[in-house]
Protein backbone atom coordinates (compact mmCIF):
# COMPACT_ATOMS: atom_id res chain seq x y z
CA MET A 1 -20.90 9.35 -28.74
CA GLU A 2 -19.17 8.88 -25.38
CA ALA A 3 -17.96 12.48 -25.58
CA LEU A 4 -21.50 13.81 -25.11
CA MET A 5 -21.99 11.79 -21.89
CA ASN A 6 -18.65 13.10 -20.63
CA GLU A 7 -19.75 16.65 -21.46
CA ILE A 8 -22.94 16.19 -19.40
CA ALA A 9 -20.95 14.78 -16.47
CA GLU A 10 -18.44 17.64 -16.70
CA ALA A 11 -21.12 20.35 -16.90
CA LEU A 12 -22.90 18.82 -13.89
CA TYR A 13 -19.62 18.68 -11.93
CA ASN A 14 -19.13 22.38 -12.68
CA GLY A 15 -22.69 23.21 -11.61
CA GLU A 16 -23.77 24.51 -15.04
CA ALA A 17 -27.51 23.83 -14.77
CA GLU A 18 -28.55 25.42 -18.08
CA ARG A 19 -25.79 23.59 -19.95
CA VAL A 20 -26.77 20.26 -18.36
CA ALA A 21 -30.37 20.81 -19.50
CA GLU A 22 -29.24 21.79 -23.02
CA LEU A 23 -26.89 18.77 -23.34
CA THR A 24 -29.55 16.42 -21.95
CA ARG A 25 -32.00 17.59 -24.65
CA ARG A 26 -29.31 17.20 -27.31
CA ALA A 27 -28.51 13.67 -26.14
CA LEU A 28 -32.18 12.71 -26.43
CA GLU A 29 -32.31 14.19 -29.95
CA GLU A 30 -29.21 12.17 -30.88
CA GLY A 31 -30.91 8.96 -29.83
CA PHE A 32 -29.50 8.28 -26.37
CA SER A 33 -32.02 6.56 -24.08
CA PRO A 34 -33.10 8.40 -20.91
CA GLU A 35 -31.52 5.56 -18.87
CA GLU A 36 -28.16 6.00 -20.64
CA ILE A 37 -28.18 9.76 -20.02
CA LEU A 38 -29.10 9.23 -16.37
CA ASN A 39 -26.43 6.62 -15.70
CA ARG A 40 -23.55 7.66 -17.96
CA GLY A 41 -24.09 11.41 -17.75
CA LEU A 42 -25.85 12.64 -14.62
CA ILE A 43 -24.98 9.86 -12.17
CA ALA A 44 -21.40 9.68 -13.46
CA GLY A 45 -21.03 13.42 -12.79
CA MET A 46 -22.54 13.16 -9.30
CA GLU A 47 -20.27 10.23 -8.44
CA ARG A 48 -17.27 12.42 -9.19
CA VAL A 49 -18.79 15.23 -7.09
CA GLY A 50 -19.31 12.78 -4.22
CA LYS A 51 -15.75 11.47 -4.41
CA ASP A 52 -14.22 14.97 -4.45
CA PHE A 53 -16.52 16.08 -1.60
CA ARG A 54 -15.36 13.09 0.46
CA ASP A 55 -11.71 13.90 -0.32
CA GLY A 56 -12.06 17.58 0.64
CA ILE A 57 -11.60 18.91 -2.91
CA LEU A 58 -15.18 20.20 -3.10
CA PHE A 59 -17.23 21.74 -0.28
CA VAL A 60 -20.95 22.04 0.54
CA PRO A 61 -21.65 25.10 -1.70
CA GLU A 62 -20.15 23.38 -4.77
CA VAL A 63 -22.05 20.18 -4.04
CA LEU A 64 -25.35 22.09 -3.76
CA ILE A 65 -24.68 23.84 -7.08
CA ALA A 66 -23.86 20.50 -8.75
CA ALA A 67 -27.01 18.95 -7.28
CA HIS A 68 -29.02 21.86 -8.70
CA ALA A 69 -27.50 21.10 -12.12
CA MET A 70 -28.47 17.44 -11.73
CA LYS A 71 -32.06 18.49 -11.02
CA ALA A 72 -32.08 20.49 -14.28
CA GLY A 73 -31.26 17.31 -16.18
CA MET A 74 -33.66 15.19 -14.16
CA GLN A 75 -36.57 17.54 -14.89
CA ILE A 76 -36.19 16.63 -18.56
CA LEU A 77 -35.56 12.93 -18.02
CA ARG A 78 -37.99 12.10 -15.23
CA PRO A 79 -41.17 12.03 -17.40
CA LEU A 80 -39.34 9.70 -19.83
CA LEU A 81 -37.80 7.35 -17.29
CA THR A 82 -39.50 4.24 -16.03
CA GLU A 83 -40.00 3.99 -12.27
CA SER A 84 -37.46 1.15 -12.18
CA ALA A 85 -34.79 3.31 -13.84
CA ILE A 86 -35.22 6.16 -11.37
CA SER A 87 -35.11 3.84 -8.38
CA GLY A 88 -32.48 1.52 -9.78
CA LEU A 89 -30.73 1.07 -6.43
CA GLY A 90 -33.90 1.05 -4.34
CA THR A 91 -35.93 3.50 -2.28
CA PHE A 92 -34.40 5.73 0.38
CA VAL A 93 -36.62 7.51 2.94
CA ILE A 94 -35.01 10.36 4.88
CA GLY A 95 -36.10 12.90 7.49
CA THR A 96 -34.74 15.14 10.23
CA VAL A 97 -36.03 13.82 13.57
CA LYS A 98 -38.72 15.38 15.76
CA GLY A 99 -37.77 18.67 17.41
CA ASP A 100 -34.97 19.39 14.90
CA LEU A 101 -35.48 21.94 12.12
CA HIS A 102 -32.07 21.63 10.44
CA ASP A 103 -32.22 20.52 6.84
CA ILE A 104 -28.99 21.38 4.95
CA GLY A 105 -27.29 18.08 5.81
CA LYS A 106 -30.47 16.11 5.14
CA ASN A 107 -31.00 17.87 1.80
CA LEU A 108 -27.42 17.17 0.79
CA VAL A 109 -27.80 13.47 1.58
CA ALA A 110 -31.11 13.34 -0.32
CA MET A 111 -29.53 14.97 -3.39
CA MET A 112 -26.48 12.71 -3.31
CA MET A 113 -28.67 9.62 -2.92
CA GLU A 114 -30.78 10.63 -5.90
CA GLY A 115 -27.57 11.34 -7.79
CA ALA A 116 -26.42 7.80 -7.03
CA GLY A 117 -29.62 6.27 -8.44
CA PHE A 118 -31.91 5.90 -5.43
CA LYS A 119 -35.56 6.95 -5.45
CA VAL A 120 -35.68 9.44 -2.57
CA VAL A 121 -38.66 10.13 -0.31
CA ASP A 122 -37.92 13.23 1.81
CA LEU A 123 -40.08 13.55 4.93
CA GLY A 124 -38.72 17.01 5.77
CA VAL A 125 -37.81 18.28 9.25
CA ASP A 126 -39.31 17.81 12.72
CA THR A 127 -40.43 14.30 11.74
CA PRO A 128 -42.16 12.30 14.51
CA PRO A 129 -41.55 8.53 14.85
CA GLU A 130 -45.06 7.76 13.54
CA LYS A 131 -44.33 9.53 10.25
CA PHE A 132 -41.19 7.42 9.73
CA VAL A 133 -43.22 4.28 10.46
CA GLU A 134 -45.95 5.34 8.01
CA ALA A 135 -43.31 5.98 5.32
CA VAL A 136 -41.81 2.50 5.80
CA LYS A 137 -45.29 0.99 5.46
CA SER A 138 -46.29 2.96 2.37
CA HIS A 139 -43.00 3.23 0.45
CA ASN A 140 -41.36 -0.06 1.49
CA PRO A 141 -37.84 1.48 1.34
CA GLN A 142 -34.62 -0.49 1.43
CA ILE A 143 -33.03 2.21 3.62
CA LEU A 144 -34.35 4.71 6.16
CA GLY A 145 -32.12 7.71 6.89
CA MET A 146 -32.38 9.89 10.00
CA SER A 147 -30.61 13.19 10.60
CA ALA A 148 -30.14 15.21 13.80
CA LEU A 149 -27.99 18.27 14.38
CA LEU A 150 -28.63 18.72 18.10
CA THR A 151 -27.63 16.51 21.02
CA THR A 152 -31.09 17.16 22.45
CA THR A 153 -32.85 15.72 19.39
CA MET A 154 -30.61 12.76 18.57
CA VAL A 155 -32.42 10.76 21.28
CA GLU A 156 -35.40 10.77 18.88
CA MET A 157 -33.47 8.35 16.65
CA ARG A 158 -33.76 5.69 19.33
CA ARG A 159 -37.51 6.40 19.61
CA VAL A 160 -37.97 5.90 15.87
CA ILE A 161 -36.19 2.53 16.01
CA GLU A 162 -38.28 1.48 19.02
CA THR A 163 -41.49 2.56 17.26
CA LEU A 164 -40.51 0.55 14.17
CA LYS A 165 -39.93 -2.49 16.39
CA GLU A 166 -43.35 -2.05 18.04
CA ALA A 167 -44.94 -1.88 14.58
CA GLY A 168 -43.13 -5.07 13.54
CA LEU A 169 -41.29 -3.22 10.76
CA ARG A 170 -37.73 -2.98 12.06
CA ASP A 171 -36.48 -5.98 10.08
CA ARG A 172 -37.92 -4.65 6.83
CA VAL A 173 -35.51 -1.75 6.46
CA ARG A 174 -31.85 -0.83 6.99
CA ILE A 175 -31.39 2.25 9.17
CA LEU A 176 -28.70 4.84 8.48
CA VAL A 177 -28.07 7.75 10.88
CA GLY A 178 -25.99 10.91 10.72
CA GLY A 179 -25.62 14.53 11.82
CA ALA A 180 -23.09 16.60 13.74
CA PRO A 181 -23.50 15.08 17.25
CA VAL A 182 -24.04 11.50 16.03
CA THR A 183 -21.20 8.96 16.24
CA GLN A 184 -20.62 5.35 15.26
CA GLU A 185 -20.82 4.47 18.95
CA TYR A 186 -24.25 6.09 19.26
CA ALA A 187 -25.46 4.34 16.09
CA ASP A 188 -24.36 0.99 17.59
CA GLU A 189 -25.97 1.82 20.93
CA ILE A 190 -29.42 2.53 19.43
CA GLY A 191 -29.29 -0.42 17.05
CA ALA A 192 -28.91 1.43 13.73
CA ASP A 193 -27.40 -0.50 10.82
CA GLY A 194 -25.02 2.23 9.76
CA TYR A 195 -23.59 5.68 10.43
CA ALA A 196 -22.18 8.26 8.01
CA PRO A 197 -20.42 11.51 8.94
CA ASN A 198 -21.24 13.22 5.63
CA ALA A 199 -23.40 12.98 2.51
CA SER A 200 -20.81 11.33 0.30
CA LEU A 201 -20.08 8.61 2.83
CA ALA A 202 -23.83 8.16 3.36
CA VAL A 203 -24.12 7.03 -0.27
CA GLU A 204 -21.18 4.65 0.14
CA LYS A 205 -22.62 3.25 3.38
CA ALA A 206 -26.07 2.83 1.81
CA LYS A 207 -24.59 0.81 -1.06
CA GLU A 208 -22.55 -1.23 1.39
CA LEU A 209 -25.65 -2.03 3.49
CA LEU A 210 -27.40 -3.28 0.36
CA GLY A 211 -24.39 -5.32 -0.78
CA LEU A 212 -23.89 -3.11 -3.85
CA LYS A 213 -20.19 -2.33 -3.31
């Protein structure tokens, strides 16, 4: 029985989307619950992807292919999963800040977070502070992620935090920042709760902020 979960994890790691979908269907036919397949198959595979990405064994293209394979499995499971199973670790809102149209890093973080068991709300690119505030109000996330790839746009991160404070929402959410020009020092300076230099470490930091490690 365990062999089938390992097969799903292995196929996902190798980025075999069609095989992941086929094995996911087979697992359901054999009586595995959607939650079991999610946790012991898909998430297990993405955890290995994340670890090898962090250690420099895998690179962005491989991670994107693996994430695509995860989506193939999730398309089958999502209608069968309860909301609590999908968002087992909590809700994660992410967006690239106002004035910045870069989305590869943000997309990678979103995929890895979903792969880890978070419910992900992606606000897209060029996201003004008000949109982040609205998302915190409506989705009540545990973590808010902000991405910036330009030194000229990273100042927007401070504006988002200030706007959250003005709205009385800052204490309701942990804030995680990242992107090429962003540093731990800058995160500390603007009052963010955490900083991650890449998608894999963003997942680890998110879990750490929630006391899940």
